[in-house]
Amino acid sequence: MAVEPIPHWPGRMIGSVYVRSTQPVPGESRAAGSAHPGGGGREQAVFVHGLAGSATNWTDLMDELKDTVDGHAPDLPGAGFSPAPADGDYTVEGHARAVTELMEHTGPAHLFGNSLGGAIAVRVAATRPDLVRSLTLISPALPDLLPRYGPARVAAAALPRLGEWVASKMRLLPAEQRINASFAMVWANANAVHPIRLRDAIDELRRRDDLPYAGEAMIGSARGIVAEYFRRGEENLWSQAAKIQAPTLIVHGKHDRLVRPAMAAKAYRTFRQVRLVLLATAGHVAMMEAPQVVAAEARRLIGETRLGNAPLPS
């Protein structure tokens, strides 16, 4: 049996979103005993999850980095414990505004993003370079006109009417079945998921099934990322990626069933200061599958940023 995982980090509302943190946001206080021991990092980091995820996707990586940075992981609007956005905006731009508002609280931070969260992080880094000290992207969902099966299913579910029909049918399936299918898609080896983490995910899905806006949030966010695949001009995510000045780390699992390896290579050619790390045993969520390895690469990038050095290819 694997070592029992740590509890998920405590959270609270900051602005419009629920945020789990290893330490209080600068200028705020937290009741004694409400955080895990450790922490004390003087720099800030913000972690942005992907579609159908939540802040708890980052629990283990935040633990690995807690002596290097103070970590803050928001539940995107409508996800996790965050309420639905008042304006109903689930686009990448809308999510990016929520992340930007959090980073205006934290001050300049090292920004992490996975999948949809990677696309959001690119938008934030391109539009608010003053807030981003470094950028770590784990299997970012950047536009790909030849998507794999998983993204193609997302695109189909995002179609008008069909998306709502799919969501209603999916909710008829047991939570255990849906979570097992999800983990089988995003992990290289779903058998490696700790039973406690599996139970947490099932309990969380059951809780969300009772929320009136859960389906809307999922479908809206799926439609938001699909819309980015067809955006042209200066606001296209690849165009924005080419302008980013922040030192960038791209982490890609060789067993990723959602993002094609060709997209990792394109990202390596597109970002200005970039290092690409391919993990032989990881899938789409390397920060959950191999948090120690991802943390080591992130520490290297943060150290280079402190010294003012650009990342060099591995």
C-alpha atoms as a PDB file:
ATOM      1  CA  MET A   1       0.000   0.000   0.000  1.00  0.00           C
ATOM      2  CA  ALA A   2       1.306   3.436  -0.950  1.00  0.00           C
ATOM      3  CA  VAL A   3       1.997   5.998   1.745  1.00  0.00           C
ATOM      4  CA  GLU A   4      -1.198   7.777   2.767  1.00  0.00           C
ATOM      5  CA  PRO A   5      -1.425  11.099   0.906  1.00  0.00           C
ATOM      6  CA  ILE A   6      -1.555  14.440   2.675  1.00  0.00           C
ATOM      7  CA  PRO A   7      -4.926  16.146   3.199  1.00  0.00           C
ATOM      8  CA  HIS A   8      -5.947  18.741   0.651  1.00  0.00           C
ATOM      9  CA  TRP A   9      -4.899  22.296   1.480  1.00  0.00           C
ATOM     10  CA  PRO A  10      -7.378  24.556   3.299  1.00  0.00           C
ATOM     11  CA  GLY A  11      -9.204  27.177   1.296  1.00  0.00           C
ATOM     12  CA  ARG A  12     -11.332  30.283   1.400  1.00  0.00           C
ATOM     13  CA  MET A  13     -12.995  32.721  -0.966  1.00  0.00           C
ATOM     14  CA  ILE A  14     -10.725  35.383  -2.433  1.00  0.00           C
ATOM     15  CA  GLY A  15     -12.704  37.686  -4.657  1.00  0.00           C
ATOM     16  CA  SER A  16     -14.926  35.575  -6.907  1.00  0.00           C
ATOM     17  CA  VAL A  17     -13.144  32.222  -6.509  1.00  0.00           C
ATOM     18  CA  TYR A  18     -12.337  29.653  -3.830  1.00  0.00           C
ATOM     19  CA  VAL A  19      -8.575  29.337  -3.304  1.00  0.00           C
ATOM     20  CA  ARG A  20      -6.558  26.608  -1.552  1.00  0.00           C
ATOM     21  CA  SER A  21      -3.236  27.882  -0.204  1.00  0.00           C
ATOM     22  CA  THR A  22      -0.150  26.563   1.560  1.00  0.00           C
ATOM     23  CA  GLN A  23       0.267  29.964   3.241  1.00  0.00           C
ATOM     24  CA  PRO A  24      -1.923  33.078   3.540  1.00  0.00           C
ATOM     25  CA  VAL A  25      -2.066  35.417   0.586  1.00  0.00           C
ATOM     26  CA  PRO A  26       0.245  38.388   1.281  1.00  0.00           C
ATOM     27  CA  GLY A  27      -1.481  40.900   3.520  1.00  0.00           C
ATOM     28  CA  GLU A  28      -4.032  38.355   4.820  1.00  0.00           C
ATOM     29  CA  SER A  29      -3.964  36.233   7.952  1.00  0.00           C
ATOM     30  CA  ARG A  30      -5.091  32.708   8.740  1.00  0.00           C
ATOM     31  CA  ALA A  31      -6.169  31.153  12.020  1.00  0.00           C
ATOM     32  CA  ALA A  32      -3.451  29.214  13.801  1.00  0.00           C
ATOM     33  CA  GLY A  33      -3.427  25.503  13.041  1.00  0.00           C
ATOM     34  CA  SER A  34      -5.478  25.759   9.859  1.00  0.00           C
ATOM     35  CA  ALA A  35      -2.576  25.118   7.489  1.00  0.00           C
ATOM     36  CA  HIS A  36      -0.231  22.211   6.985  1.00  0.00           C
ATOM     37  CA  PRO A  37       3.171  22.545   8.657  1.00  0.00           C
ATOM     38  CA  GLY A  38       6.037  23.742   6.504  1.00  0.00           C
ATOM     39  CA  GLY A  39       5.609  26.641   4.103  1.00  0.00           C
ATOM     40  CA  GLY A  40       7.466  29.871   4.681  1.00  0.00           C
ATOM     41  CA  GLY A  41       8.362  30.440   1.028  1.00  0.00           C
ATOM     42  CA  ARG A  42       8.824  34.134   0.230  1.00  0.00           C
ATOM     43  CA  GLU A  43       7.788  33.964  -3.413  1.00  0.00           C
ATOM     44  CA  GLN A  44       4.265  33.259  -4.612  1.00  0.00           C
ATOM     45  CA  ALA A  45       2.936  30.659  -7.037  1.00  0.00           C
ATOM     46  CA  VAL A  46      -0.512  30.224  -8.597  1.00  0.00           C
ATOM     47  CA  PHE A  47      -1.719  26.850  -9.925  1.00  0.00           C
ATOM     48  CA  VAL A  48      -4.551  26.620 -12.485  1.00  0.00           C
ATOM     49  CA  HIS A  49      -6.377  23.313 -13.060  1.00  0.00           C
ATOM     50  CA  GLY A  50      -7.912  21.893 -16.223  1.00  0.00           C
ATOM     51  CA  LEU A  51     -11.372  21.021 -17.495  1.00  0.00           C
ATOM     52  CA  ALA A  52     -13.365  18.907 -15.004  1.00  0.00           C
ATOM     53  CA  GLY A  53     -10.593  19.443 -12.441  1.00  0.00           C
ATOM     54  CA  SER A  54     -10.227  21.559  -9.327  1.00  0.00           C
ATOM     55  CA  ALA A  55      -7.619  23.087  -7.043  1.00  0.00           C
ATOM     56  CA  THR A  56      -7.072  19.691  -5.406  1.00  0.00           C
ATOM     57  CA  ASN A  57      -5.325  18.506  -8.584  1.00  0.00           C
ATOM     58  CA  TRP A  58      -2.310  20.457  -7.302  1.00  0.00           C
ATOM     59  CA  THR A  59      -2.243  19.247  -3.671  1.00  0.00           C
ATOM     60  CA  ASP A  60       0.858  17.076  -3.979  1.00  0.00           C
ATOM     61  CA  LEU A  61       2.899  19.425  -6.172  1.00  0.00           C
ATOM     62  CA  MET A  62       2.110  22.321  -3.826  1.00  0.00           C
ATOM     63  CA  ASP A  63       3.391  20.179  -0.964  1.00  0.00           C
ATOM     64  CA  GLU A  64       6.627  19.449  -2.824  1.00  0.00           C
ATOM     65  CA  LEU A  65       7.164  23.163  -3.480  1.00  0.00           C
ATOM     66  CA  LYS A  66       5.970  24.595  -0.150  1.00  0.00           C
ATOM     67  CA  ASP A  67       9.532  25.369   0.991  1.00  0.00           C
ATOM     68  CA  THR A  68      10.246  27.190  -2.276  1.00  0.00           C
ATOM     69  CA  VAL A  69       7.044  29.190  -2.854  1.00  0.00           C
ATOM     70  CA  ASP A  70       3.748  29.976  -1.163  1.00  0.00           C
ATOM     71  CA  GLY A  71       1.207  28.181  -3.334  1.00  0.00           C
ATOM     72  CA  HIS A  72      -2.326  29.273  -4.210  1.00  0.00           C
ATOM     73  CA  ALA A  73      -4.648  27.093  -6.330  1.00  0.00           C
ATOM     74  CA  PRO A  74      -8.023  28.541  -7.336  1.00  0.00           C
ATOM     75  CA  ASP A  75     -11.092  26.577  -8.282  1.00  0.00           C
ATOM     76  CA  LEU A  76     -11.987  28.163 -11.611  1.00  0.00           C
ATOM     77  CA  PRO A  77     -15.416  29.847 -11.753  1.00  0.00           C
ATOM     78  CA  GLY A  78     -18.091  27.161 -11.468  1.00  0.00           C
ATOM     79  CA  ALA A  79     -15.567  24.425 -10.590  1.00  0.00           C
ATOM     80  CA  GLY A  80     -14.719  22.931  -7.200  1.00  0.00           C
ATOM     81  CA  PHE A  81     -16.082  25.184  -4.473  1.00  0.00           C
ATOM     82  CA  SER A  82     -16.166  28.345  -6.598  1.00  0.00           C
ATOM     83  CA  PRO A  83     -19.642  29.650  -7.416  1.00  0.00           C
ATOM     84  CA  ALA A  84     -20.844  30.107 -10.960  1.00  0.00           C
ATOM     85  CA  PRO A  85     -19.656  33.417 -12.445  1.00  0.00           C
ATOM     86  CA  ALA A  86     -22.226  36.168 -12.136  1.00  0.00           C
ATOM     87  CA  ASP A  87     -21.968  36.921 -15.858  1.00  0.00           C
ATOM     88  CA  GLY A  88     -22.053  33.274 -16.932  1.00  0.00           C
ATOM     89  CA  ASP A  89     -18.726  33.685 -18.749  1.00  0.00           C
ATOM     90  CA  TYR A  90     -16.857  30.363 -18.974  1.00  0.00           C
ATOM     91  CA  THR A  91     -14.567  31.369 -21.831  1.00  0.00           C
ATOM     92  CA  VAL A  92     -10.788  31.178 -21.552  1.00  0.00           C
ATOM     93  CA  GLU A  93     -10.838  34.966 -21.330  1.00  0.00           C
ATOM     94  CA  GLY A  94     -13.350  34.856 -18.465  1.00  0.00           C
ATOM     95  CA  HIS A  95     -11.300  32.298 -16.551  1.00  0.00           C
ATOM     96  CA  ALA A  96      -8.146  34.330 -17.224  1.00  0.00           C
ATOM     97  CA  ARG A  97      -9.795  37.361 -15.624  1.00  0.00           C
ATOM     98  CA  ALA A  98     -10.486  35.336 -12.474  1.00  0.00           C
ATOM     99  CA  VAL A  99      -6.845  34.163 -12.321  1.00  0.00           C
ATOM    100  CA  THR A 100      -5.609  37.697 -12.950  1.00  0.00           C
ATOM    101  CA  GLU A 101      -7.747  39.010 -10.085  1.00  0.00           C
ATOM    102  CA  LEU A 102      -6.199  36.424  -7.762  1.00  0.00           C
ATOM    103  CA  MET A 103      -2.692  37.346  -8.907  1.00  0.00           C
ATOM    104  CA  GLU A 104      -3.435  40.982  -8.202  1.00  0.00           C
ATOM    105  CA  HIS A 105      -3.909  39.791  -4.604  1.00  0.00           C
ATOM    106  CA  THR A 106      -0.787  37.620  -4.488  1.00  0.00           C
ATOM    107  CA  GLY A 107       1.451  39.987  -6.419  1.00  0.00           C
ATOM    108  CA  PRO A 108       3.832  38.722  -9.133  1.00  0.00           C
ATOM    109  CA  ALA A 109       3.917  34.929  -9.001  1.00  0.00           C
ATOM    110  CA  HIS A 110       5.221  31.811 -10.691  1.00  0.00           C
ATOM    111  CA  LEU A 111       2.253  30.633 -12.760  1.00  0.00           C
ATOM    112  CA  PHE A 112       1.426  26.955 -13.356  1.00  0.00           C
ATOM    113  CA  GLY A 113      -1.286  25.573 -15.642  1.00  0.00           C
ATOM    114  CA  ASN A 114      -2.462  22.131 -16.713  1.00  0.00           C
ATOM    115  CA  SER A 115      -4.550  21.383 -19.809  1.00  0.00           C
ATOM    116  CA  LEU A 116      -7.281  24.076 -19.984  1.00  0.00           C
ATOM    117  CA  GLY A 117      -5.411  25.759 -17.135  1.00  0.00           C
ATOM    118  CA  GLY A 118      -2.367  25.897 -19.405  1.00  0.00           C
ATOM    119  CA  ALA A 119      -4.349  27.783 -22.048  1.00  0.00           C
ATOM    120  CA  ILE A 120      -5.604  30.160 -19.356  1.00  0.00           C
ATOM    121  CA  ALA A 121      -2.060  30.659 -18.032  1.00  0.00           C
ATOM    122  CA  VAL A 122      -0.820  31.545 -21.535  1.00  0.00           C
ATOM    123  CA  ARG A 123      -3.547  34.186 -21.843  1.00  0.00           C
ATOM    124  CA  VAL A 124      -2.624  35.649 -18.431  1.00  0.00           C
ATOM    125  CA  ALA A 125       1.124  35.660 -19.150  1.00  0.00           C
ATOM    126  CA  ALA A 126       0.573  37.357 -22.525  1.00  0.00           C
ATOM    127  CA  THR A 127      -1.803  40.047 -21.260  1.00  0.00           C
ATOM    128  CA  ARG A 128      -0.338  40.691 -17.789  1.00  0.00           C
ATOM    129  CA  PRO A 129       3.410  40.061 -18.002  1.00  0.00           C
ATOM    130  CA  ASP A 130       3.896  42.187 -14.886  1.00  0.00           C
ATOM    131  CA  LEU A 131       2.221  39.472 -12.812  1.00  0.00           C
ATOM    132  CA  VAL A 132       4.076  36.409 -14.152  1.00  0.00           C
ATOM    133  CA  ARG A 133       7.603  35.651 -12.916  1.00  0.00           C
ATOM    134  CA  SER A 134       7.807  32.280 -14.662  1.00  0.00           C
ATOM    135  CA  LEU A 135       5.429  29.968 -16.503  1.00  0.00           C
ATOM    136  CA  THR A 136       5.139  26.195 -16.071  1.00  0.00           C
ATOM    137  CA  LEU A 137       2.746  24.464 -18.460  1.00  0.00           C
ATOM    138  CA  ILE A 138       1.825  20.806 -17.990  1.00  0.00           C
ATOM    139  CA  SER A 139       0.212  19.363 -21.128  1.00  0.00           C
ATOM    140  CA  PRO A 140      -1.319  22.743 -22.043  1.00  0.00           C
ATOM    141  CA  ALA A 141      -4.468  22.615 -24.196  1.00  0.00           C
ATOM    142  CA  LEU A 142      -3.220  24.886 -26.956  1.00  0.00           C
ATOM    143  CA  PRO A 143      -5.078  24.856 -30.285  1.00  0.00           C
ATOM    144  CA  ASP A 144      -4.624  21.666 -32.293  1.00  0.00           C
ATOM    145  CA  LEU A 145      -6.637  21.134 -35.465  1.00  0.00           C
ATOM    146  CA  LEU A 146      -5.867  17.399 -35.340  1.00  0.00           C
ATOM    147  CA  PRO A 147      -7.007  16.633 -31.784  1.00  0.00           C
ATOM    148  CA  ARG A 148      -6.881  13.185 -30.244  1.00  0.00           C
ATOM    149  CA  TYR A 149     -10.010  11.226 -29.335  1.00  0.00           C
ATOM    150  CA  GLY A 150     -10.448  12.842 -25.921  1.00  0.00           C
ATOM    151  CA  PRO A 151     -10.452  16.466 -27.189  1.00  0.00           C
ATOM    152  CA  ALA A 152     -12.690  15.414 -30.084  1.00  0.00           C
ATOM    153  CA  ARG A 153     -15.227  14.164 -27.526  1.00  0.00           C
ATOM    154  CA  VAL A 154     -14.957  17.523 -25.725  1.00  0.00           C
ATOM    155  CA  ALA A 155     -15.632  19.321 -29.006  1.00  0.00           C
ATOM    156  CA  ALA A 156     -18.683  17.146 -29.685  1.00  0.00           C
ATOM    157  CA  ALA A 157     -20.021  17.719 -26.176  1.00  0.00           C
ATOM    158  CA  ALA A 158     -19.592  21.453 -26.678  1.00  0.00           C
ATOM    159  CA  LEU A 159     -22.024  21.549 -29.603  1.00  0.00           C
ATOM    160  CA  PRO A 160     -25.352  23.303 -28.963  1.00  0.00           C
ATOM    161  CA  ARG A 161     -27.993  20.955 -27.497  1.00  0.00           C
ATOM    162  CA  LEU A 162     -25.720  17.923 -27.845  1.00  0.00           C
ATOM    163  CA  GLY A 163     -23.625  19.128 -24.914  1.00  0.00           C
ATOM    164  CA  GLU A 164     -26.627  19.374 -22.623  1.00  0.00           C
ATOM    165  CA  TRP A 165     -27.873  15.957 -23.783  1.00  0.00           C
ATOM    166  CA  VAL A 166     -24.486  14.340 -23.102  1.00  0.00           C
ATOM    167  CA  ALA A 167     -24.288  15.954 -19.658  1.00  0.00           C
ATOM    168  CA  SER A 168     -27.753  14.724 -18.702  1.00  0.00           C
ATOM    169  CA  LYS A 169     -26.934  11.171 -19.809  1.00  0.00           C
ATOM    170  CA  MET A 170     -23.565  11.179 -18.040  1.00  0.00           C
ATOM    171  CA  ARG A 171     -25.176  12.083 -14.717  1.00  0.00           C
ATOM    172  CA  LEU A 172     -27.163   8.841 -14.888  1.00  0.00           C
ATOM    173  CA  LEU A 173     -23.927   6.854 -14.596  1.00  0.00           C
ATOM    174  CA  PRO A 174     -22.569   6.052 -11.112  1.00  0.00           C
ATOM    175  CA  ALA A 175     -19.947   8.510  -9.886  1.00  0.00           C
ATOM    176  CA  GLU A 176     -17.448   5.650  -9.496  1.00  0.00           C
ATOM    177  CA  GLN A 177     -17.808   4.723 -13.163  1.00  0.00           C
ATOM    178  CA  ARG A 178     -17.324   8.304 -14.350  1.00  0.00           C
ATOM    179  CA  ILE A 179     -14.264   8.892 -12.155  1.00  0.00           C
ATOM    180  CA  ASN A 180     -12.636   5.611 -13.167  1.00  0.00           C
ATOM    181  CA  ALA A 181     -13.148   6.472 -16.841  1.00  0.00           C
ATOM    182  CA  SER A 182     -11.695   9.948 -16.302  1.00  0.00           C
ATOM    183  CA  PHE A 183      -8.611   8.670 -14.498  1.00  0.00           C
ATOM    184  CA  ALA A 184      -8.090   6.014 -17.170  1.00  0.00           C
ATOM    185  CA  MET A 185      -7.986   8.811 -19.736  1.00  0.00           C
ATOM    186  CA  VAL A 186      -5.676  11.263 -17.985  1.00  0.00           C
ATOM    187  CA  TRP A 187      -3.302   9.009 -16.015  1.00  0.00           C
ATOM    188  CA  ALA A 188      -0.706   6.844 -17.758  1.00  0.00           C
ATOM    189  CA  ASN A 189      -1.545   4.126 -15.212  1.00  0.00           C
ATOM    190  CA  ALA A 190      -4.877   4.564 -13.445  1.00  0.00           C
ATOM    191  CA  ASN A 191      -3.955   1.759 -11.037  1.00  0.00           C
ATOM    192  CA  ALA A 192      -1.387   4.132  -9.537  1.00  0.00           C
ATOM    193  CA  VAL A 193      -4.102   6.430  -8.158  1.00  0.00           C
ATOM    194  CA  HIS A 194      -4.102   6.179  -4.360  1.00  0.00           C
ATOM    195  CA  PRO A 195      -7.406   4.771  -3.010  1.00  0.00           C
ATOM    196  CA  ILE A 196      -7.866   7.848  -0.808  1.00  0.00           C
ATOM    197  CA  ARG A 197      -7.476  10.178  -3.799  1.00  0.00           C
ATOM    198  CA  LEU A 198      -9.926   8.019  -5.743  1.00  0.00           C
ATOM    199  CA  ARG A 199     -12.445   8.189  -2.902  1.00  0.00           C
ATOM    200  CA  ASP A 200     -11.970  11.973  -2.642  1.00  0.00           C
ATOM    201  CA  ALA A 201     -12.693  12.372  -6.351  1.00  0.00           C
ATOM    202  CA  ILE A 202     -15.833  10.236  -6.184  1.00  0.00           C
ATOM    203  CA  ASP A 203     -17.148  12.136  -3.151  1.00  0.00           C
ATOM    204  CA  GLU A 204     -16.452  15.443  -4.875  1.00  0.00           C
ATOM    205  CA  LEU A 205     -18.290  14.385  -8.039  1.00  0.00           C
ATOM    206  CA  ARG A 206     -21.308  13.343  -5.998  1.00  0.00           C
ATOM    207  CA  ARG A 207     -21.298  16.733  -4.292  1.00  0.00           C
ATOM    208  CA  ARG A 208     -21.126  18.527  -7.628  1.00  0.00           C
ATOM    209  CA  ASP A 209     -23.962  16.431  -9.056  1.00  0.00           C
ATOM    210  CA  ASP A 210     -26.250  18.274  -6.626  1.00  0.00           C
ATOM    211  CA  LEU A 211     -25.154  21.746  -7.798  1.00  0.00           C
ATOM    212  CA  PRO A 212     -27.592  23.345 -10.251  1.00  0.00           C
ATOM    213  CA  TYR A 213     -24.809  24.970 -12.287  1.00  0.00           C
ATOM    214  CA  ALA A 214     -22.368  22.014 -12.499  1.00  0.00           C
ATOM    215  CA  GLY A 215     -23.402  20.925 -15.988  1.00  0.00           C
ATOM    216  CA  GLU A 216     -23.477  24.481 -17.272  1.00  0.00           C
ATOM    217  CA  ALA A 217     -19.958  25.107 -15.936  1.00  0.00           C
ATOM    218  CA  MET A 218     -18.564  21.987 -17.614  1.00  0.00           C
ATOM    219  CA  ILE A 219     -20.242  22.604 -20.957  1.00  0.00           C
ATOM    220  CA  GLY A 220     -19.437  26.323 -20.906  1.00  0.00           C
ATOM    221  CA  SER A 221     -15.750  25.704 -20.176  1.00  0.00           C
ATOM    222  CA  ALA A 222     -15.593  23.026 -22.894  1.00  0.00           C
ATOM    223  CA  ARG A 223     -17.112  25.455 -25.382  1.00  0.00           C
ATOM    224  CA  GLY A 224     -14.632  28.081 -24.249  1.00  0.00           C
ATOM    225  CA  ILE A 225     -11.569  25.962 -25.043  1.00  0.00           C
ATOM    226  CA  VAL A 226     -13.048  24.732 -28.348  1.00  0.00           C
ATOM    227  CA  ALA A 227     -13.624  28.364 -29.396  1.00  0.00           C
ATOM    228  CA  GLU A 228      -9.902  29.010 -28.892  1.00  0.00           C
ATOM    229  CA  TYR A 229      -9.070  26.348 -31.472  1.00  0.00           C
ATOM    230  CA  PHE A 230     -10.664  28.501 -34.157  1.00  0.00           C
ATOM    231  CA  ARG A 231      -9.570  31.950 -33.012  1.00  0.00           C
ATOM    232  CA  ARG A 232      -7.394  33.835 -35.472  1.00  0.00           C
ATOM    233  CA  GLY A 233      -5.200  36.933 -35.308  1.00  0.00           C
ATOM    234  CA  GLU A 234      -3.294  38.431 -32.406  1.00  0.00           C
ATOM    235  CA  GLU A 235      -5.568  36.849 -29.778  1.00  0.00           C
ATOM    236  CA  ASN A 236      -4.889  33.314 -31.002  1.00  0.00           C
ATOM    237  CA  LEU A 237      -3.171  31.461 -28.158  1.00  0.00           C
ATOM    238  CA  TRP A 238      -0.174  30.489 -30.292  1.00  0.00           C
ATOM    239  CA  SER A 239       0.290  34.135 -31.290  1.00  0.00           C
ATOM    240  CA  GLN A 240       0.118  35.110 -27.636  1.00  0.00           C
ATOM    241  CA  ALA A 241       2.545  32.355 -26.637  1.00  0.00           C
ATOM    242  CA  ALA A 242       5.127  33.740 -29.073  1.00  0.00           C
ATOM    243  CA  LYS A 243       5.038  37.095 -27.263  1.00  0.00           C
ATOM    244  CA  ILE A 244       5.501  35.793 -23.713  1.00  0.00           C
ATOM    245  CA  GLN A 245       8.691  37.057 -22.085  1.00  0.00           C
ATOM    246  CA  ALA A 246       8.524  34.958 -18.910  1.00  0.00           C
ATOM    247  CA  PRO A 247      10.893  31.964 -18.694  1.00  0.00           C
ATOM    248  CA  THR A 248       8.786  28.935 -19.559  1.00  0.00           C
ATOM    249  CA  LEU A 249       8.850  25.234 -18.715  1.00  0.00           C
ATOM    250  CA  ILE A 250       6.789  22.772 -20.781  1.00  0.00           C
ATOM    251  CA  VAL A 251       6.163  19.372 -19.152  1.00  0.00           C
ATOM    252  CA  HIS A 252       4.603  16.679 -21.314  1.00  0.00           C
ATOM    253  CA  GLY A 253       3.874  13.038 -20.492  1.00  0.00           C
ATOM    254  CA  LYS A 254       4.789  10.563 -23.206  1.00  0.00           C
ATOM    255  CA  HIS A 255       1.572   8.639 -22.462  1.00  0.00           C
ATOM    256  CA  ASP A 256      -0.657  11.714 -22.794  1.00  0.00           C
ATOM    257  CA  ARG A 257      -3.862  10.556 -24.485  1.00  0.00           C
ATOM    258  CA  LEU A 258      -5.283  14.080 -24.832  1.00  0.00           C
ATOM    259  CA  VAL A 259      -2.502  16.368 -26.099  1.00  0.00           C
ATOM    260  CA  ARG A 260      -0.438  15.120 -29.037  1.00  0.00           C
ATOM    261  CA  PRO A 261       3.362  15.074 -28.642  1.00  0.00           C
ATOM    262  CA  ALA A 262       3.529  17.273 -31.738  1.00  0.00           C
ATOM    263  CA  MET A 263       1.963  20.059 -29.687  1.00  0.00           C
ATOM    264  CA  ALA A 264       4.792  19.833 -27.139  1.00  0.00           C
ATOM    265  CA  ALA A 265       7.298  20.206 -29.974  1.00  0.00           C
ATOM    266  CA  LYS A 266       5.365  23.175 -31.393  1.00  0.00           C
ATOM    267  CA  ALA A 267       5.314  24.819 -27.964  1.00  0.00           C
ATOM    268  CA  TYR A 268       9.073  24.355 -27.718  1.00  0.00           C
ATOM    269  CA  ARG A 269       9.485  26.168 -31.051  1.00  0.00           C
ATOM    270  CA  THR A 270       7.018  28.936 -30.137  1.00  0.00           C
ATOM    271  CA  PHE A 271       7.888  30.223 -26.653  1.00  0.00           C
ATOM    272  CA  ARG A 272      10.870  32.573 -26.454  1.00  0.00           C
ATOM    273  CA  GLN A 273      12.625  31.284 -23.324  1.00  0.00           C
ATOM    274  CA  VAL A 274      11.657  27.663 -22.950  1.00  0.00           C
ATOM    275  CA  ARG A 275      12.731  24.230 -21.777  1.00  0.00           C
ATOM    276  CA  LEU A 276      10.807  21.078 -22.711  1.00  0.00           C
ATOM    277  CA  VAL A 277      10.719  18.068 -20.381  1.00  0.00           C
ATOM    278  CA  LEU A 278       9.211  14.781 -21.569  1.00  0.00           C
ATOM    279  CA  LEU A 279       8.266  12.304 -18.838  1.00  0.00           C
ATOM    280  CA  ALA A 280       8.396   8.673 -19.901  1.00  0.00           C
ATOM    281  CA  THR A 281       5.934   7.386 -17.298  1.00  0.00           C
ATOM    282  CA  ALA A 282       3.365  10.204 -17.165  1.00  0.00           C
ATOM    283  CA  GLY A 283       0.115  10.948 -18.942  1.00  0.00           C
ATOM    284  CA  HIS A 284      -1.911  14.171 -19.056  1.00  0.00           C
ATOM    285  CA  VAL A 285      -1.616  15.146 -15.361  1.00  0.00           C
ATOM    286  CA  ALA A 286       2.092  14.846 -14.591  1.00  0.00           C
ATOM    287  CA  MET A 287       1.767  17.060 -11.502  1.00  0.00           C
ATOM    288  CA  MET A 288      -0.437  14.345  -9.954  1.00  0.00           C
ATOM    289  CA  GLU A 289       1.407  11.339 -11.378  1.00  0.00           C
ATOM    290  CA  ALA A 290       4.998  12.478 -10.744  1.00  0.00           C
ATOM    291  CA  PRO A 291       4.883  15.493  -8.378  1.00  0.00           C
ATOM    292  CA  GLN A 292       8.484  15.053  -7.185  1.00  0.00           C
ATOM    293  CA  VAL A 293       9.851  15.086 -10.723  1.00  0.00           C
ATOM    294  CA  VAL A 294       7.743  18.081 -11.777  1.00  0.00           C
ATOM    295  CA  ALA A 295       8.732  19.912  -8.577  1.00  0.00           C
ATOM    296  CA  ALA A 296      12.431  19.381  -9.297  1.00  0.00           C
ATOM    297  CA  GLU A 297      12.040  20.906 -12.759  1.00  0.00           C
ATOM    298  CA  ALA A 298       9.946  23.777 -11.388  1.00  0.00           C
ATOM    299  CA  ARG A 299      12.554  24.546  -8.697  1.00  0.00           C
ATOM    300  CA  ARG A 300      15.196  24.684 -11.395  1.00  0.00           C
ATOM    301  CA  LEU A 301      13.141  27.193 -13.373  1.00  0.00           C
ATOM    302  CA  ILE A 302      12.387  29.302 -10.288  1.00  0.00           C
ATOM    303  CA  GLY A 303      16.083  29.308  -9.393  1.00  0.00           C
ATOM    304  CA  GLU A 304      17.010  30.443 -12.901  1.00  0.00           C
ATOM    305  CA  THR A 305      14.389  33.180 -12.692  1.00  0.00           C
ATOM    306  CA  ARG A 306      15.860  34.444  -9.425  1.00  0.00           C
ATOM    307  CA  LEU A 307      19.280  34.602 -11.056  1.00  0.00           C
ATOM    308  CA  GLY A 308      17.906  36.266 -14.163  1.00  0.00           C
ATOM    309  CA  ASN A 309      18.923  33.365 -16.390  1.00  0.00           C
ATOM    310  CA  ALA A 310      16.852  32.075 -19.285  1.00  0.00           C
ATOM    311  CA  PRO A 311      16.081  28.346 -19.250  1.00  0.00           C
ATOM    312  CA  LEU A 312      18.335  26.275 -21.437  1.00  0.00           C
ATOM    313  CA  PRO A 313      17.240  23.179 -23.354  1.00  0.00           C
ATOM    314  CA  SER A 314      17.724  19.894 -21.488  1.00  0.00           C
END
